[in-house]
Amino acid sequence: MRKEPDTGVAPSQRLDLWLWHARIARTRSACTAFVQQGRIRINRMETDKPHARVRVGDVLTLPAHPSPEVRVLRVLALVEKRGSPRETIGVYEEL
């Protein structure tokens, strides 16, 4: 888990990097392309920017590939590196 000094601003992480660390896609470039398609929302706001910032408590809405359904995730933690699937438990919750 990521710990940053207290500067009064909530810690954040790039959207594409968080998606990759949370194992939403296999590669970071796939995460970047996924975001650039404009199919992800952060707190109900559409974004096509891989550098958009994600904070703990944000709600992400994204398509559940390959099905036509939608996944809704709440960010529970920011992570510094990509770990095993077991390590991603507690990074987000499905709503």
Foldseek 3Di string as FASTA:
>chain_A
DDDDDPPVDFDWFFQLQQCVQLPVDPDSVVSLVQLLVQFKDWQNHTGNHRRDIDGQQIWMWGADPPDRHIWIKGAHDGDDHRDDNVVSVRRIDTD
